[in-house]
Amino acid sequence: MGGIGPLEIGLILVIVLLVFGGKKLKSLGSDLGHAIKGFRSSMGTEQSADASESSSPDSGEPTQKSSD
């Protein structure tokens, strides 16, 4: 009762290979890789856009420093 062992994982992989076929699994893996790469790049551009917005002042008015 220790969870999934190597025999069970191998059996699952064989069943998945039989159901989907080799070419379909290769294309699914490729599509998944492209999706992850696109997600990461969009998250990176979103974070850099957030950083540039936070560095600029919220209001369009210039701030004045008091020389007390």
PDB file of N, CA and C in Angstrom:
ATOM      1  N   MET A   1       0.821  -1.178   0.000  1.00  0.00           N
ATOM      2  CA  MET A   1       0.000   0.000   0.000  1.00  0.00           C
ATOM      3  C   MET A   1       0.874   1.253   0.000  1.00  0.00           C
ATOM      4  N   GLY A   2       1.977   1.211  -0.737  1.00  0.00           N
ATOM      5  CA  GLY A   2       2.914   2.317  -0.743  1.00  0.00           C
ATOM      6  C   GLY A   2       2.757   3.243  -1.933  1.00  0.00           C
ATOM      7  N   GLY A   3       1.618   3.243  -2.590  1.00  0.00           N
ATOM      8  CA  GLY A   3       1.428   4.168  -3.702  1.00  0.00           C
ATOM      9  C   GLY A   3       1.702   3.496  -5.033  1.00  0.00           C
ATOM     10  N   ILE A   4       2.077   4.275  -6.001  1.00  0.00           N
ATOM     11  CA  ILE A   4       2.303   3.770  -7.351  1.00  0.00           C
ATOM     12  C   ILE A   4       3.779   3.389  -7.497  1.00  0.00           C
ATOM     13  N   GLY A   5       4.008   2.179  -7.916  1.00  0.00           N
ATOM     14  CA  GLY A   5       5.366   1.693  -8.117  1.00  0.00           C
ATOM     15  C   GLY A   5       5.771   1.780  -9.576  1.00  0.00           C
ATOM     16  N   PRO A   6       6.995   1.367  -9.885  1.00  0.00           N
ATOM     17  CA  PRO A   6       7.479   1.432 -11.268  1.00  0.00           C
ATOM     18  C   PRO A   6       6.700   0.526 -12.219  1.00  0.00           C
ATOM     19  N   LEU A   7       6.203  -0.603 -11.729  1.00  0.00           N
ATOM     20  CA  LEU A   7       5.418  -1.498 -12.581  1.00  0.00           C
ATOM     21  C   LEU A   7       4.114  -0.831 -13.007  1.00  0.00           C
ATOM     22  N   GLU A   8       3.443  -0.163 -12.088  1.00  0.00           N
ATOM     23  CA  GLU A   8       2.188   0.512 -12.413  1.00  0.00           C
ATOM     24  C   GLU A   8       2.418   1.681 -13.371  1.00  0.00           C
ATOM     25  N   ILE A   9       3.490   2.433 -13.165  1.00  0.00           N
ATOM     26  CA  ILE A   9       3.804   3.553 -14.061  1.00  0.00           C
ATOM     27  C   ILE A   9       4.082   3.046 -15.464  1.00  0.00           C
ATOM     28  N   GLY A  10       4.837   1.957 -15.581  1.00  0.00           N
ATOM     29  CA  GLY A  10       5.120   1.361 -16.889  1.00  0.00           C
ATOM     30  C   GLY A  10       3.854   0.894 -17.577  1.00  0.00           C
ATOM     31  N   LEU A  11       2.964   0.279 -16.832  1.00  0.00           N
ATOM     32  CA  LEU A  11       1.701  -0.185 -17.396  1.00  0.00           C
ATOM     33  C   LEU A  11       0.859   0.988 -17.894  1.00  0.00           C
ATOM     34  N   ILE A  12       0.810   2.063 -17.130  1.00  0.00           N
ATOM     35  CA  ILE A  12       0.059   3.259 -17.548  1.00  0.00           C
ATOM     36  C   ILE A  12       0.658   3.846 -18.819  1.00  0.00           C
ATOM     37  N   LEU A  13       1.981   3.911 -18.899  1.00  0.00           N
ATOM     38  CA  LEU A  13       2.638   4.455 -20.091  1.00  0.00           C
ATOM     39  C   LEU A  13       2.360   3.604 -21.329  1.00  0.00           C
ATOM     40  N   VAL A  14       2.355   2.290 -21.169  1.00  0.00           N
ATOM     41  CA  VAL A  14       2.060   1.398 -22.294  1.00  0.00           C
ATOM     42  C   VAL A  14       0.623   1.599 -22.764  1.00  0.00           C
ATOM     43  N   ILE A  15      -0.313   1.725 -21.839  1.00  0.00           N
ATOM     44  CA  ILE A  15      -1.716   1.941 -22.216  1.00  0.00           C
ATOM     45  C   ILE A  15      -1.885   3.271 -22.932  1.00  0.00           C
ATOM     46  N   VAL A  16      -1.228   4.318 -22.435  1.00  0.00           N
ATOM     47  CA  VAL A  16      -1.309   5.632 -23.077  1.00  0.00           C
ATOM     48  C   VAL A  16      -0.716   5.568 -24.480  1.00  0.00           C
ATOM     49  N   LEU A  17       0.388   4.873 -24.641  1.00  0.00           N
ATOM     50  CA  LEU A  17       1.013   4.730 -25.961  1.00  0.00           C
ATOM     51  C   LEU A  17       0.088   3.992 -26.913  1.00  0.00           C
ATOM     52  N   LEU A  18      -0.588   2.951 -26.438  1.00  0.00           N
ATOM     53  CA  LEU A  18      -1.521   2.207 -27.282  1.00  0.00           C
ATOM     54  C   LEU A  18      -2.738   3.037 -27.660  1.00  0.00           C
ATOM     55  N   VAL A  19      -3.211   3.852 -26.735  1.00  0.00           N
ATOM     56  CA  VAL A  19      -4.418   4.643 -27.003  1.00  0.00           C
ATOM     57  C   VAL A  19      -4.117   5.774 -27.983  1.00  0.00           C
ATOM     58  N   PHE A  20      -3.051   6.522 -27.744  1.00  0.00           N
ATOM     59  CA  PHE A  20      -2.771   7.704 -28.558  1.00  0.00           C
ATOM     60  C   PHE A  20      -1.856   7.430 -29.745  1.00  0.00           C
ATOM     61  N   GLY A  21      -0.969   6.482 -29.649  1.00  0.00           N
ATOM     62  CA  GLY A  21      -0.019   6.229 -30.727  1.00  0.00           C
ATOM     63  C   GLY A  21       1.204   7.114 -30.595  1.00  0.00           C
ATOM     64  N   GLY A  22       2.299   6.696 -31.207  1.00  0.00           N
ATOM     65  CA  GLY A  22       3.577   7.397 -31.088  1.00  0.00           C
ATOM     66  C   GLY A  22       3.579   8.788 -31.697  1.00  0.00           C
ATOM     67  N   LYS A  23       3.030   8.918 -32.910  1.00  0.00           N
ATOM     68  CA  LYS A  23       3.051  10.224 -33.585  1.00  0.00           C
ATOM     69  C   LYS A  23       2.176  11.236 -32.852  1.00  0.00           C
ATOM     70  N   LYS A  24       1.048  10.781 -32.371  1.00  0.00           N
ATOM     71  CA  LYS A  24       0.144  11.696 -31.661  1.00  0.00           C
ATOM     72  C   LYS A  24       0.785  12.171 -30.359  1.00  0.00           C
ATOM     73  N   LEU A  25       1.475  11.269 -29.643  1.00  0.00           N
ATOM     74  CA  LEU A  25       2.149  11.678 -28.406  1.00  0.00           C
ATOM     75  C   LEU A  25       3.258  12.679 -28.690  1.00  0.00           C
ATOM     76  N   LYS A  26       3.981  12.470 -29.800  1.00  0.00           N
ATOM     77  CA  LYS A  26       5.055  13.402 -30.150  1.00  0.00           C
ATOM     78  C   LYS A  26       4.482  14.788 -30.460  1.00  0.00           C
ATOM     79  N   SER A  27       3.401  14.840 -31.201  1.00  0.00           N
ATOM     80  CA  SER A  27       2.805  16.142 -31.519  1.00  0.00           C
ATOM     81  C   SER A  27       2.184  16.781 -30.285  1.00  0.00           C
ATOM     82  N   LEU A  28       1.593  15.966 -29.386  1.00  0.00           N
ATOM     83  CA  LEU A  28       1.045  16.514 -28.150  1.00  0.00           C
ATOM     84  C   LEU A  28       2.148  17.109 -27.283  1.00  0.00           C
ATOM     85  N   GLY A  29       3.286  16.424 -27.204  1.00  0.00           N
ATOM     86  CA  GLY A  29       4.412  16.947 -26.428  1.00  0.00           C
ATOM     87  C   GLY A  29       4.950  18.237 -27.008  1.00  0.00           C
ATOM     88  N   SER A  30       5.030  18.291 -28.328  1.00  0.00           N
ATOM     89  CA  SER A  30       5.509  19.501 -28.990  1.00  0.00           C
ATOM     90  C   SER A  30       4.554  20.663 -28.760  1.00  0.00           C
ATOM     91  N   ASP A  31       3.266  20.401 -28.911  1.00  0.00           N
ATOM     92  CA  ASP A  31       2.267  21.449 -28.679  1.00  0.00           C
ATOM     93  C   ASP A  31       2.290  21.930 -27.239  1.00  0.00           C
ATOM     94  N   LEU A  32       2.457  21.000 -26.306  1.00  0.00           N
ATOM     95  CA  LEU A  32       2.521  21.372 -24.899  1.00  0.00           C
ATOM     96  C   LEU A  32       3.752  22.245 -24.629  1.00  0.00           C
ATOM     97  N   GLY A  33       4.885  21.902 -25.244  1.00  0.00           N
ATOM     98  CA  GLY A  33       6.095  22.703 -25.084  1.00  0.00           C
ATOM     99  C   GLY A  33       5.925  24.116 -25.617  1.00  0.00           C
ATOM    100  N   HIS A  34       5.290  24.248 -26.774  1.00  0.00           N
ATOM    101  CA  HIS A  34       5.047  25.577 -27.348  1.00  0.00           C
ATOM    102  C   HIS A  34       4.091  26.384 -26.467  1.00  0.00           C
ATOM    103  N   ALA A  35       3.084  25.711 -25.911  1.00  0.00           N
ATOM    104  CA  ALA A  35       2.135  26.409 -25.046  1.00  0.00           C
ATOM    105  C   ALA A  35       2.814  26.915 -23.777  1.00  0.00           C
ATOM    106  N   ILE A  36       3.671  26.092 -23.191  1.00  0.00           N
ATOM    107  CA  ILE A  36       4.382  26.505 -21.973  1.00  0.00           C
ATOM    108  C   ILE A  36       5.334  27.657 -22.277  1.00  0.00           C
ATOM    109  N   LYS A  37       6.019  27.580 -23.408  1.00  0.00           N
ATOM    110  CA  LYS A  37       6.942  28.655 -23.789  1.00  0.00           C
ATOM    111  C   LYS A  37       6.185  29.962 -24.012  1.00  0.00           C
ATOM    112  N   GLY A  38       5.035  29.899 -24.668  1.00  0.00           N
ATOM    113  CA  GLY A  38       4.226  31.094 -24.880  1.00  0.00           C
ATOM    114  C   GLY A  38       3.702  31.665 -23.580  1.00  0.00           C
ATOM    115  N   PHE A  39       3.297  30.783 -22.667  1.00  0.00           N
ATOM    116  CA  PHE A  39       2.801  31.234 -21.369  1.00  0.00           C
ATOM    117  C   PHE A  39       3.904  31.937 -20.590  1.00  0.00           C
ATOM    118  N   ARG A  40       5.093  31.353 -20.579  1.00  0.00           N
ATOM    119  CA  ARG A  40       6.213  31.970 -19.846  1.00  0.00           C
ATOM    120  C   ARG A  40       6.592  33.313 -20.436  1.00  0.00           C
ATOM    121  N   SER A  41       6.606  33.408 -21.776  1.00  0.00           N
ATOM    122  CA  SER A  41       6.983  34.683 -22.384  1.00  0.00           C
ATOM    123  C   SER A  41       5.918  35.745 -22.133  1.00  0.00           C
ATOM    124  N   SER A  42       4.652  35.353 -22.129  1.00  0.00           N
ATOM    125  CA  SER A  42       3.604  36.337 -21.847  1.00  0.00           C
ATOM    126  C   SER A  42       3.644  36.772 -20.387  1.00  0.00           C
ATOM    127  N   MET A  43       3.970  35.870 -19.490  1.00  0.00           N
ATOM    128  CA  MET A  43       4.102  36.238 -18.084  1.00  0.00           C
ATOM    129  C   MET A  43       5.293  37.169 -17.886  1.00  0.00           C
ATOM    130  N   GLY A  44       6.372  36.957 -18.626  1.00  0.00           N
ATOM    131  CA  GLY A  44       7.546  37.814 -18.521  1.00  0.00           C
ATOM    132  C   GLY A  44       7.263  39.216 -19.020  1.00  0.00           C
ATOM    133  N   THR A  45       6.546  39.337 -20.134  1.00  0.00           N
ATOM    134  CA  THR A  45       6.226  40.663 -20.654  1.00  0.00           C
ATOM    135  C   THR A  45       5.226  41.361 -19.751  1.00  0.00           C
ATOM    136  N   GLU A  46       4.322  40.611 -19.128  1.00  0.00           N
ATOM    137  CA  GLU A  46       3.359  41.213 -18.217  1.00  0.00           C
ATOM    138  C   GLU A  46       4.057  41.729 -16.967  1.00  0.00           C
ATOM    139  N   GLN A  47       5.018  40.976 -16.456  1.00  0.00           N
ATOM    140  CA  GLN A  47       5.746  41.406 -15.266  1.00  0.00           C
ATOM    141  C   GLN A  47       6.604  42.620 -15.565  1.00  0.00           C
ATOM    142  N   SER A  48       7.227  42.668 -16.750  1.00  0.00           N
ATOM    143  CA  SER A  48       8.046  43.829 -17.080  1.00  0.00           C
ATOM    144  C   SER A  48       7.164  45.058 -17.300  1.00  0.00           C
ATOM    145  N   ALA A  49       5.954  44.870 -17.829  1.00  0.00           N
ATOM    146  CA  ALA A  49       5.034  45.994 -18.003  1.00  0.00           C
ATOM    147  C   ALA A  49       4.563  46.501 -16.645  1.00  0.00           C
ATOM    148  N   ASP A  50       4.303  45.576 -15.711  1.00  0.00           N
ATOM    149  CA  ASP A  50       3.903  45.987 -14.365  1.00  0.00           C
ATOM    150  C   ASP A  50       5.024  46.748 -13.677  1.00  0.00           C
ATOM    151  N   ALA A  51       6.255  46.331 -13.863  1.00  0.00           N
ATOM    152  CA  ALA A  51       7.393  46.992 -13.227  1.00  0.00           C
ATOM    153  C   ALA A  51       7.575  48.402 -13.781  1.00  0.00           C
ATOM    154  N   SER A  52       7.380  48.574 -15.094  1.00  0.00           N
ATOM    155  CA  SER A  52       7.555  49.909 -15.674  1.00  0.00           C
ATOM    156  C   SER A  52       6.420  50.836 -15.251  1.00  0.00           C
ATOM    157  N   GLU A  53       5.214  50.290 -15.063  1.00  0.00           N
ATOM    158  CA  GLU A  53       4.105  51.116 -14.601  1.00  0.00           C
ATOM    159  C   GLU A  53       4.295  51.542 -13.155  1.00  0.00           C
ATOM    160  N   SER A  54       4.840  50.662 -12.332  1.00  0.00           N
ATOM    161  CA  SER A  54       5.000  50.991 -10.920  1.00  0.00           C
ATOM    162  C   SER A  54       6.150  51.972 -10.698  1.00  0.00           C
ATOM    163  N   SER A  55       7.081  52.063 -11.640  1.00  0.00           N
ATOM    164  CA  SER A  55       8.181  53.003 -11.472  1.00  0.00           C
ATOM    165  C   SER A  55       7.771  54.435 -11.816  1.00  0.00           C
ATOM    166  N   SER A  56       6.698  54.605 -12.602  1.00  0.00           N
ATOM    167  CA  SER A  56       6.230  55.934 -12.930  1.00  0.00           C
ATOM    168  C   SER A  56       5.203  56.377 -11.894  1.00  0.00           C
ATOM    169  N   PRO A  57       5.089  57.686 -11.639  1.00  0.00           N
ATOM    170  CA  PRO A  57       4.111  58.162 -10.656  1.00  0.00           C
ATOM    171  C   PRO A  57       2.693  57.877 -11.119  1.00  0.00           C
ATOM    172  N   ASP A  58       1.789  57.719 -10.158  1.00  0.00           N
ATOM    173  CA  ASP A  58       0.408  57.407 -10.493  1.00  0.00           C
ATOM    174  C   ASP A  58      -0.295  58.582 -11.155  1.00  0.00           C
ATOM    175  N   SER A  59      -0.092  59.773 -10.667  1.00  0.00           N
ATOM    176  CA  SER A  59      -0.732  60.941 -11.265  1.00  0.00           C
ATOM    177  C   SER A  59       0.200  61.554 -12.295  1.00  0.00           C
ATOM    178  N   GLY A  60      -0.386  62.273 -13.236  1.00  0.00           N
ATOM    179  CA  GLY A  60       0.401  62.900 -14.273  1.00  0.00           C
ATOM    180  C   GLY A  60       1.034  64.210 -13.829  1.00  0.00           C
ATOM    181  N   GLU A  61       0.753  64.636 -12.612  1.00  0.00           N
ATOM    182  CA  GLU A  61       1.269  65.906 -12.125  1.00  0.00           C
ATOM    183  C   GLU A  61       2.682  65.736 -11.582  1.00  0.00           C
ATOM    184  N   PRO A  62       3.559  66.723 -11.829  1.00  0.00           N
ATOM    185  CA  PRO A  62       4.902  66.633 -11.282  1.00  0.00           C
ATOM    186  C   PRO A  62       4.881  66.827  -9.763  1.00  0.00           C
ATOM    187  N   THR A  63       5.763  66.153  -9.087  1.00  0.00           N
ATOM    188  CA  THR A  63       5.833  66.275  -7.637  1.00  0.00           C
ATOM    189  C   THR A  63       6.810  67.392  -7.276  1.00  0.00           C
ATOM    190  N   GLN A  64       6.493  68.112  -6.198  1.00  0.00           N
ATOM    191  CA  GLN A  64       7.350  69.199  -5.754  1.00  0.00           C
ATOM    192  C   GLN A  64       7.972  68.822  -4.424  1.00  0.00           C
ATOM    193  N   LYS A  65       9.255  69.112  -4.291  1.00  0.00           N
ATOM    194  CA  LYS A  65       9.948  68.860  -3.035  1.00  0.00           C
ATOM    195  C   LYS A  65      10.014  70.150  -2.251  1.00  0.00           C
ATOM    196  N   SER A  66       9.758  70.062  -0.976  1.00  0.00           N
ATOM    197  CA  SER A  66       9.850  71.258  -0.147  1.00  0.00           C
ATOM    198  C   SER A  66      11.276  71.379   0.369  1.00  0.00           C
ATOM    199  N   SER A  67      11.796  72.594   0.401  1.00  0.00           N
ATOM    200  CA  SER A  67      13.161  72.811   0.869  1.00  0.00           C
ATOM    201  C   SER A  67      13.145  73.422   2.260  1.00  0.00           C
ATOM    202  N   ASP A  68      12.526  72.731   3.189  1.00  0.00           N
ATOM    203  CA  ASP A  68      12.439  73.226   4.580  1.00  0.00           C
ATOM    204  C   ASP A  68      13.698  73.007   5.330  1.00  0.00           C
TER     205      ASP A  68
END
